[in-house]
């Protein structure tokens, strides 16, 4: 990967911009009811470049999810963690490695397509009443792992898998978080080994992760003044607009 990126820590103005982007995306993600990791790439691409967005997001979301792991540690459903990761980790490694081989055009195309697809996918998975067997859960974990390796915003898929095997409430939050942290750590190691993640990008990711923290509290306050359903529609428009922007970067 040879695309240049903006070293955000070098300039106060870029620092401020990065913080505002992360905070705003966190608020929007909180209003939508689904992951910040789905909307944040839309705002990060102009700052860090297409090829760097997933490595930076991986570091940011590792920090974001780690706090949930600590808070909900006792509620983790380790059986389902093992079921998801037994095949999910190898395929996650394969997906992350595949990402390092892609050009900026391919990354923009795949990420933009995934963001577009996430809108109807979220609705379909929300309405579907799937009930997975252990074998199906293992297979779903393998598919999730590969997509997660090279994409951001796959939380909607993981949540749906866990709900389909009966995980709910605080156990859902905890189990989702530990799986996301484990896959994120593996991706960071791989990206670092293949020069897709250097110190500047890692620090940028940490900064982004820290700045997303207060956004959830602001979103909670705003939700009290927003009609039910409006925030989800607004978020979907943001995601669609971001996807179209990414696709417009592709040199066909």
C-alpha atoms as a PDB file:
ATOM      1  CA  UNK A   1       0.000   0.000   0.000  1.00  0.00           C
ATOM      2  CA  UNK A   2       1.587   3.263  -1.053  1.00  0.00           C
ATOM      3  CA  UNK A   3      -1.181   5.800  -0.686  1.00  0.00           C
ATOM      4  CA  UNK A   4      -0.072   8.824   1.301  1.00  0.00           C
ATOM      5  CA  UNK A   5      -2.045   9.763   4.386  1.00  0.00           C
ATOM      6  CA  UNK A   6      -2.434  12.852   6.545  1.00  0.00           C
ATOM      7  CA  UNK A   7      -0.386  12.524   9.754  1.00  0.00           C
ATOM      8  CA  UNK A   8      -3.039  13.863  12.068  1.00  0.00           C
ATOM      9  CA  UNK A   9      -0.780  14.224  15.078  1.00  0.00           C
ATOM     10  CA  UNK A  10       1.476  16.697  13.243  1.00  0.00           C
ATOM     11  CA  UNK A  11      -0.976  19.589  13.126  1.00  0.00           C
ATOM     12  CA  UNK A  12      -3.275  21.055  15.807  1.00  0.00           C
ATOM     13  CA  UNK A  13      -5.915  21.855  13.188  1.00  0.00           C
ATOM     14  CA  UNK A  14      -5.880  18.274  11.916  1.00  0.00           C
ATOM     15  CA  UNK A  15      -6.042  17.024  15.502  1.00  0.00           C
ATOM     16  CA  UNK A  16      -9.143  19.110  16.129  1.00  0.00           C
ATOM     17  CA  UNK A  17     -10.703  17.972  12.863  1.00  0.00           C
ATOM     18  CA  UNK A  18     -10.022  14.309  13.666  1.00  0.00           C
ATOM     19  CA  UNK A  19     -11.585  14.705  17.114  1.00  0.00           C
ATOM     20  CA  UNK A  20     -14.680  16.402  15.695  1.00  0.00           C
ATOM     21  CA  UNK A  21     -15.047  13.710  13.043  1.00  0.00           C
ATOM     22  CA  UNK A  22     -14.780  10.905  15.612  1.00  0.00           C
ATOM     23  CA  UNK A  23     -17.134  12.576  18.062  1.00  0.00           C
ATOM     24  CA  UNK A  24     -19.724  13.408  15.388  1.00  0.00           C
ATOM     25  CA  UNK A  25     -19.642   9.887  13.969  1.00  0.00           C
ATOM     26  CA  UNK A  26     -20.052   8.474  17.473  1.00  0.00           C
ATOM     27  CA  UNK A  27     -23.107  10.638  18.082  1.00  0.00           C
ATOM     28  CA  UNK A  28     -24.613   9.615  14.745  1.00  0.00           C
ATOM     29  CA  UNK A  29     -23.850   5.975  15.451  1.00  0.00           C
ATOM     30  CA  UNK A  30     -25.506   6.268  18.846  1.00  0.00           C
ATOM     31  CA  UNK A  31     -28.609   7.806  17.287  1.00  0.00           C
ATOM     32  CA  UNK A  32     -28.865   5.035  14.706  1.00  0.00           C
ATOM     33  CA  UNK A  33     -28.941   2.175  17.175  1.00  0.00           C
ATOM     34  CA  UNK A  34     -26.123   0.357  15.402  1.00  0.00           C
ATOM     35  CA  UNK A  35     -22.355   0.579  15.335  1.00  0.00           C
ATOM     36  CA  UNK A  36     -20.275   3.674  15.057  1.00  0.00           C
ATOM     37  CA  UNK A  37     -17.874   1.521  13.027  1.00  0.00           C
ATOM     38  CA  UNK A  38     -20.359   1.580  10.163  1.00  0.00           C
ATOM     39  CA  UNK A  39     -20.532   5.345   9.817  1.00  0.00           C
ATOM     40  CA  UNK A  40     -17.061   6.458  10.976  1.00  0.00           C
ATOM     41  CA  UNK A  41     -15.240   5.272   7.804  1.00  0.00           C
ATOM     42  CA  UNK A  42     -17.397   7.660   5.772  1.00  0.00           C
ATOM     43  CA  UNK A  43     -15.842  10.604   7.615  1.00  0.00           C
ATOM     44  CA  UNK A  44     -12.342   9.175   8.004  1.00  0.00           C
ATOM     45  CA  UNK A  45     -11.567   8.442   4.344  1.00  0.00           C
ATOM     46  CA  UNK A  46     -10.933  12.117   3.440  1.00  0.00           C
ATOM     47  CA  UNK A  47      -8.593  12.418   6.429  1.00  0.00           C
ATOM     48  CA  UNK A  48      -6.488   9.248   6.327  1.00  0.00           C
ATOM     49  CA  UNK A  49      -7.011   7.970   2.777  1.00  0.00           C
ATOM     50  CA  UNK A  50      -8.901   4.958   1.467  1.00  0.00           C
ATOM     51  CA  UNK A  51      -6.175   2.369   2.034  1.00  0.00           C
ATOM     52  CA  UNK A  52      -5.591   3.425   5.644  1.00  0.00           C
ATOM     53  CA  UNK A  53      -9.178   3.632   6.835  1.00  0.00           C
ATOM     54  CA  UNK A  54      -9.590  -0.013   7.933  1.00  0.00           C
ATOM     55  CA  UNK A  55      -6.280  -0.206   9.900  1.00  0.00           C
ATOM     56  CA  UNK A  56      -7.117   3.070  11.672  1.00  0.00           C
ATOM     57  CA  UNK A  57     -10.682   1.902  12.349  1.00  0.00           C
ATOM     58  CA  UNK A  58      -9.382  -1.385  13.743  1.00  0.00           C
ATOM     59  CA  UNK A  59      -7.301   0.395  16.385  1.00  0.00           C
ATOM     60  CA  UNK A  60     -10.112   2.826  17.215  1.00  0.00           C
ATOM     61  CA  UNK A  61     -12.756   0.128  17.629  1.00  0.00           C
ATOM     62  CA  UNK A  62     -10.386  -2.064  19.659  1.00  0.00           C
ATOM     63  CA  UNK A  63     -10.289   0.711  22.241  1.00  0.00           C
ATOM     64  CA  UNK A  64     -14.038   1.243  21.948  1.00  0.00           C
ATOM     65  CA  UNK A  65     -14.893  -2.437  22.435  1.00  0.00           C
ATOM     66  CA  UNK A  66     -12.318  -3.078  25.164  1.00  0.00           C
ATOM     67  CA  UNK A  67     -14.210  -0.843  27.569  1.00  0.00           C
ATOM     68  CA  UNK A  68     -17.338  -2.941  27.032  1.00  0.00           C
ATOM     69  CA  UNK A  69     -15.367  -6.132  27.659  1.00  0.00           C
ATOM     70  CA  UNK A  70     -14.177  -4.765  31.001  1.00  0.00           C
ATOM     71  CA  UNK A  71     -17.627  -3.529  31.984  1.00  0.00           C
ATOM     72  CA  UNK A  72     -19.489  -6.742  31.038  1.00  0.00           C
ATOM     73  CA  UNK A  73     -16.783  -9.376  31.624  1.00  0.00           C
ATOM     74  CA  UNK A  74     -18.929 -11.570  33.861  1.00  0.00           C
ATOM     75  CA  UNK A  75     -21.684 -11.776  31.229  1.00  0.00           C
ATOM     76  CA  UNK A  76     -19.547 -13.169  28.385  1.00  0.00           C
ATOM     77  CA  UNK A  77     -20.942 -16.379  26.897  1.00  0.00           C
ATOM     78  CA  UNK A  78     -17.663 -18.218  26.307  1.00  0.00           C
ATOM     79  CA  UNK A  79     -19.277 -21.174  24.506  1.00  0.00           C
ATOM     80  CA  UNK A  80     -20.502 -18.898  21.720  1.00  0.00           C
ATOM     81  CA  UNK A  81     -17.200 -17.011  21.691  1.00  0.00           C
ATOM     82  CA  UNK A  82     -15.467 -20.310  20.912  1.00  0.00           C
ATOM     83  CA  UNK A  83     -18.045 -21.241  18.279  1.00  0.00           C
ATOM     84  CA  UNK A  84     -17.575 -17.928  16.435  1.00  0.00           C
ATOM     85  CA  UNK A  85     -13.787 -17.775  16.706  1.00  0.00           C
ATOM     86  CA  UNK A  86     -12.825 -21.381  15.989  1.00  0.00           C
ATOM     87  CA  UNK A  87     -13.208 -20.764  12.250  1.00  0.00           C
ATOM     88  CA  UNK A  88     -13.714 -17.005  12.449  1.00  0.00           C
ATOM     89  CA  UNK A  89     -10.141 -16.214  13.480  1.00  0.00           C
ATOM     90  CA  UNK A  90      -8.451 -18.078  10.585  1.00  0.00           C
ATOM     91  CA  UNK A  91     -10.831 -16.497   8.068  1.00  0.00           C
ATOM     92  CA  UNK A  92     -10.350 -13.085   9.709  1.00  0.00           C
ATOM     93  CA  UNK A  93      -6.604 -13.435   9.143  1.00  0.00           C
ATOM     94  CA  UNK A  94      -7.275 -14.384   5.527  1.00  0.00           C
ATOM     95  CA  UNK A  95      -9.589 -11.401   5.077  1.00  0.00           C
ATOM     96  CA  UNK A  96      -7.133  -8.959   6.643  1.00  0.00           C
ATOM     97  CA  UNK A  97      -4.280 -10.312   4.525  1.00  0.00           C
ATOM     98  CA  UNK A  98      -6.425  -9.986   1.400  1.00  0.00           C
ATOM     99  CA  UNK A  99      -7.031  -6.358   2.360  1.00  0.00           C
ATOM    100  CA  UNK A 100      -3.287  -5.639   2.341  1.00  0.00           C
ATOM    101  CA  UNK A 101      -3.125  -6.836  -1.272  1.00  0.00           C
ATOM    102  CA  UNK A 102      -5.858  -4.539  -2.550  1.00  0.00           C
ATOM    103  CA  UNK A 103      -5.364  -1.260  -4.390  1.00  0.00           C
ATOM    104  CA  UNK A 104      -7.128   1.929  -3.270  1.00  0.00           C
ATOM    105  CA  UNK A 105      -9.706   1.510  -6.045  1.00  0.00           C
ATOM    106  CA  UNK A 106     -10.616  -2.007  -4.937  1.00  0.00           C
ATOM    107  CA  UNK A 107     -10.865  -0.934  -1.290  1.00  0.00           C
ATOM    108  CA  UNK A 108     -13.136   1.984  -2.196  1.00  0.00           C
ATOM    109  CA  UNK A 109     -15.275  -0.322  -4.355  1.00  0.00           C
ATOM    110  CA  UNK A 110     -15.629  -3.069  -1.745  1.00  0.00           C
ATOM    111  CA  UNK A 111     -16.119  -0.755   1.223  1.00  0.00           C
ATOM    112  CA  UNK A 112     -18.628   1.392  -0.654  1.00  0.00           C
ATOM    113  CA  UNK A 113     -20.542  -1.695  -1.786  1.00  0.00           C
ATOM    114  CA  UNK A 114     -20.574  -3.112   1.743  1.00  0.00           C
ATOM    115  CA  UNK A 115     -21.881   0.156   3.183  1.00  0.00           C
ATOM    116  CA  UNK A 116     -24.673   0.248   0.593  1.00  0.00           C
ATOM    117  CA  UNK A 117     -25.562  -3.378   1.286  1.00  0.00           C
ATOM    118  CA  UNK A 118     -25.540  -2.803   5.062  1.00  0.00           C
ATOM    119  CA  UNK A 119     -28.733  -0.719   4.889  1.00  0.00           C
ATOM    120  CA  UNK A 120     -31.078  -3.435   3.543  1.00  0.00           C
ATOM    121  CA  UNK A 121     -29.041  -6.116   5.363  1.00  0.00           C
ATOM    122  CA  UNK A 122     -29.713  -4.502   8.730  1.00  0.00           C
ATOM    123  CA  UNK A 123     -33.439  -4.393   8.015  1.00  0.00           C
ATOM    124  CA  UNK A 124     -33.552  -7.995   6.791  1.00  0.00           C
ATOM    125  CA  UNK A 125     -31.596  -9.357   9.741  1.00  0.00           C
ATOM    126  CA  UNK A 126     -33.667  -7.319  12.186  1.00  0.00           C
ATOM    127  CA  UNK A 127     -36.947  -8.767  10.889  1.00  0.00           C
ATOM    128  CA  UNK A 128     -35.720 -12.329  10.373  1.00  0.00           C
ATOM    129  CA  UNK A 129     -36.270 -14.816  13.165  1.00  0.00           C
ATOM    130  CA  UNK A 130     -33.377 -17.173  12.464  1.00  0.00           C
ATOM    131  CA  UNK A 131     -32.523 -19.940  14.910  1.00  0.00           C
ATOM    132  CA  UNK A 132     -29.012 -21.281  14.333  1.00  0.00           C
ATOM    133  CA  UNK A 133     -27.744 -24.724  15.238  1.00  0.00           C
ATOM    134  CA  UNK A 134     -24.160 -25.169  16.456  1.00  0.00           C
ATOM    135  CA  UNK A 135     -23.030 -26.178  12.952  1.00  0.00           C
ATOM    136  CA  UNK A 136     -24.694 -23.111  11.423  1.00  0.00           C
ATOM    137  CA  UNK A 137     -23.109 -20.875  14.073  1.00  0.00           C
ATOM    138  CA  UNK A 138     -19.671 -22.270  13.247  1.00  0.00           C
ATOM    139  CA  UNK A 139     -20.212 -21.600   9.544  1.00  0.00           C
ATOM    140  CA  UNK A 140     -21.592 -18.118  10.194  1.00  0.00           C
ATOM    141  CA  UNK A 141     -18.503 -17.362  12.287  1.00  0.00           C
ATOM    142  CA  UNK A 142     -16.257 -18.315   9.378  1.00  0.00           C
ATOM    143  CA  UNK A 143     -18.129 -16.003   6.988  1.00  0.00           C
ATOM    144  CA  UNK A 144     -18.164 -13.184   9.539  1.00  0.00           C
ATOM    145  CA  UNK A 145     -14.424 -13.559  10.140  1.00  0.00           C
ATOM    146  CA  UNK A 146     -13.483 -13.111   6.496  1.00  0.00           C
ATOM    147  CA  UNK A 147     -15.735 -10.068   6.018  1.00  0.00           C
ATOM    148  CA  UNK A 148     -14.553  -8.558   9.295  1.00  0.00           C
ATOM    149  CA  UNK A 149     -10.911  -9.024   8.265  1.00  0.00           C
ATOM    150  CA  UNK A 150     -11.174  -6.480   5.476  1.00  0.00           C
ATOM    151  CA  UNK A 151     -14.220  -4.393   6.371  1.00  0.00           C
ATOM    152  CA  UNK A 152     -15.598  -2.201   9.125  1.00  0.00           C
ATOM    153  CA  UNK A 153     -19.140  -2.150  10.468  1.00  0.00           C
ATOM    154  CA  UNK A 154     -19.702  -5.913  10.596  1.00  0.00           C
ATOM    155  CA  UNK A 155     -21.182  -5.651  14.079  1.00  0.00           C
ATOM    156  CA  UNK A 156     -24.694  -5.829  12.642  1.00  0.00           C
ATOM    157  CA  UNK A 157     -23.861  -9.314  11.310  1.00  0.00           C
ATOM    158  CA  UNK A 158     -22.262 -10.512  14.552  1.00  0.00           C
ATOM    159  CA  UNK A 159     -25.165  -9.249  16.671  1.00  0.00           C
ATOM    160  CA  UNK A 160     -27.626 -11.070  14.401  1.00  0.00           C
ATOM    161  CA  UNK A 161     -25.646 -14.332  14.664  1.00  0.00           C
ATOM    162  CA  UNK A 162     -25.541 -14.144  18.465  1.00  0.00           C
ATOM    163  CA  UNK A 163     -29.237 -13.330  18.730  1.00  0.00           C
ATOM    164  CA  UNK A 164     -29.960 -16.322  16.490  1.00  0.00           C
ATOM    165  CA  UNK A 165     -28.374 -18.660  19.041  1.00  0.00           C
ATOM    166  CA  UNK A 166     -30.265 -17.148  21.948  1.00  0.00           C
ATOM    167  CA  UNK A 167     -27.767 -14.623  23.333  1.00  0.00           C
ATOM    168  CA  UNK A 168     -29.517 -11.498  24.614  1.00  0.00           C
ATOM    169  CA  UNK A 169     -29.280  -8.579  27.021  1.00  0.00           C
ATOM    170  CA  UNK A 170     -25.967  -7.820  28.707  1.00  0.00           C
ATOM    171  CA  UNK A 171     -24.617 -11.185  27.528  1.00  0.00           C
ATOM    172  CA  UNK A 172     -25.136 -10.019  23.940  1.00  0.00           C
ATOM    173  CA  UNK A 173     -23.172  -6.818  24.568  1.00  0.00           C
ATOM    174  CA  UNK A 174     -20.383  -8.682  26.354  1.00  0.00           C
ATOM    175  CA  UNK A 175     -20.042 -11.559  23.886  1.00  0.00           C
ATOM    176  CA  UNK A 176     -20.124  -9.243  20.872  1.00  0.00           C
ATOM    177  CA  UNK A 177     -17.426  -7.074  22.458  1.00  0.00           C
ATOM    178  CA  UNK A 178     -14.951  -9.873  23.282  1.00  0.00           C
ATOM    179  CA  UNK A 179     -15.274 -11.356  19.787  1.00  0.00           C
ATOM    180  CA  UNK A 180     -14.743  -7.928  18.220  1.00  0.00           C
ATOM    181  CA  UNK A 181     -11.703  -7.260  20.436  1.00  0.00           C
ATOM    182  CA  UNK A 182     -10.134 -10.636  19.630  1.00  0.00           C
ATOM    183  CA  UNK A 183     -10.571 -10.218  15.876  1.00  0.00           C
ATOM    184  CA  UNK A 184      -9.402  -6.615  16.110  1.00  0.00           C
ATOM    185  CA  UNK A 185      -6.198  -7.598  17.924  1.00  0.00           C
ATOM    186  CA  UNK A 186      -5.415 -10.216  15.273  1.00  0.00           C
ATOM    187  CA  UNK A 187      -5.991  -7.665  12.506  1.00  0.00           C
ATOM    188  CA  UNK A 188      -3.694  -5.121  14.175  1.00  0.00           C
ATOM    189  CA  UNK A 189      -0.892  -7.696  14.407  1.00  0.00           C
ATOM    190  CA  UNK A 190      -1.310  -8.661  10.758  1.00  0.00           C
ATOM    191  CA  UNK A 191      -1.569  -5.080   9.513  1.00  0.00           C
ATOM    192  CA  UNK A 192       1.558  -4.199  11.496  1.00  0.00           C
ATOM    193  CA  UNK A 193       3.505  -7.118  10.038  1.00  0.00           C
ATOM    194  CA  UNK A 194       2.535  -6.173   6.495  1.00  0.00           C
ATOM    195  CA  UNK A 195       3.286  -2.448   6.916  1.00  0.00           C
ATOM    196  CA  UNK A 196      -0.385  -1.499   6.638  1.00  0.00           C
ATOM    197  CA  UNK A 197      -0.287  -0.018  10.154  1.00  0.00           C
ATOM    198  CA  UNK A 198       2.560   2.186  11.358  1.00  0.00           C
ATOM    199  CA  UNK A 199       3.008   4.250  14.530  1.00  0.00           C
ATOM    200  CA  UNK A 200       1.328   7.370  13.123  1.00  0.00           C
ATOM    201  CA  UNK A 201      -1.742   5.436  11.988  1.00  0.00           C
ATOM    202  CA  UNK A 202      -1.909   3.538  15.290  1.00  0.00           C
ATOM    203  CA  UNK A 203      -1.802   6.799  17.265  1.00  0.00           C
ATOM    204  CA  UNK A 204      -4.469   8.236  14.979  1.00  0.00           C
ATOM    205  CA  UNK A 205      -6.632   5.204  15.689  1.00  0.00           C
ATOM    206  CA  UNK A 206      -6.148   5.623  19.435  1.00  0.00           C
ATOM    207  CA  UNK A 207      -7.109   9.276  19.166  1.00  0.00           C
ATOM    208  CA  UNK A 208     -10.229   8.404  17.192  1.00  0.00           C
ATOM    209  CA  UNK A 209     -11.187   5.740  19.729  1.00  0.00           C
ATOM    210  CA  UNK A 210     -10.826   8.170  22.656  1.00  0.00           C
ATOM    211  CA  UNK A 211     -12.889  10.835  20.912  1.00  0.00           C
ATOM    212  CA  UNK A 212     -15.794   8.466  20.247  1.00  0.00           C
ATOM    213  CA  UNK A 213     -16.343   7.860  23.974  1.00  0.00           C
ATOM    214  CA  UNK A 214     -18.418  10.963  24.895  1.00  0.00           C
ATOM    215  CA  UNK A 215     -20.528  10.702  21.733  1.00  0.00           C
ATOM    216  CA  UNK A 216     -22.691   7.927  23.177  1.00  0.00           C
ATOM    217  CA  UNK A 217     -23.725  10.110  26.113  1.00  0.00           C
ATOM    218  CA  UNK A 218     -24.672  13.001  23.815  1.00  0.00           C
ATOM    219  CA  UNK A 219     -26.657  10.607  21.616  1.00  0.00           C
ATOM    220  CA  UNK A 220     -28.599   9.379  24.652  1.00  0.00           C
ATOM    221  CA  UNK A 221     -29.662  12.949  25.462  1.00  0.00           C
ATOM    222  CA  UNK A 222     -30.597  13.722  21.839  1.00  0.00           C
ATOM    223  CA  UNK A 223     -32.696  10.555  21.542  1.00  0.00           C
ATOM    224  CA  UNK A 224     -35.075  11.963  24.159  1.00  0.00           C
ATOM    225  CA  UNK A 225     -35.961  14.747  21.722  1.00  0.00           C
ATOM    226  CA  UNK A 226     -36.074  12.801  18.437  1.00  0.00           C
ATOM    227  CA  UNK A 227     -39.114  10.897  17.199  1.00  0.00           C
ATOM    228  CA  UNK A 228     -38.709   7.111  17.094  1.00  0.00           C
ATOM    229  CA  UNK A 229     -37.424   5.899  13.742  1.00  0.00           C
ATOM    230  CA  UNK A 230     -36.263   9.290  12.504  1.00  0.00           C
ATOM    231  CA  UNK A 231     -32.698   8.745  13.702  1.00  0.00           C
ATOM    232  CA  UNK A 232     -32.443   5.385  11.893  1.00  0.00           C
ATOM    233  CA  UNK A 233     -33.598   6.890   8.599  1.00  0.00           C
ATOM    234  CA  UNK A 234     -31.168   9.772   9.012  1.00  0.00           C
ATOM    235  CA  UNK A 235     -28.296   7.373   9.679  1.00  0.00           C
ATOM    236  CA  UNK A 236     -29.126   5.272   6.641  1.00  0.00           C
ATOM    237  CA  UNK A 237     -28.993   8.408   4.487  1.00  0.00           C
ATOM    238  CA  UNK A 238     -25.538   9.206   5.913  1.00  0.00           C
ATOM    239  CA  UNK A 239     -24.290   5.682   5.184  1.00  0.00           C
ATOM    240  CA  UNK A 240     -25.717   5.687   1.649  1.00  0.00           C
ATOM    241  CA  UNK A 241     -24.194   9.112   0.911  1.00  0.00           C
ATOM    242  CA  UNK A 242     -20.831   7.915   2.230  1.00  0.00           C
ATOM    243  CA  UNK A 243     -21.000   4.749   0.154  1.00  0.00           C
ATOM    244  CA  UNK A 244     -21.721   6.738  -2.994  1.00  0.00           C
ATOM    245  CA  UNK A 245     -18.817   9.074  -2.183  1.00  0.00           C
ATOM    246  CA  UNK A 246     -16.475   6.088  -1.820  1.00  0.00           C
ATOM    247  CA  UNK A 247     -17.680   4.547  -5.074  1.00  0.00           C
ATOM    248  CA  UNK A 248     -17.101   7.877  -6.824  1.00  0.00           C
ATOM    249  CA  UNK A 249     -13.401   7.571  -5.931  1.00  0.00           C
ATOM    250  CA  UNK A 250     -13.028   4.419  -7.991  1.00  0.00           C
ATOM    251  CA  UNK A 251     -11.230   4.887 -11.309  1.00  0.00           C
ATOM    252  CA  UNK A 252     -13.374   2.706 -13.504  1.00  0.00           C
END
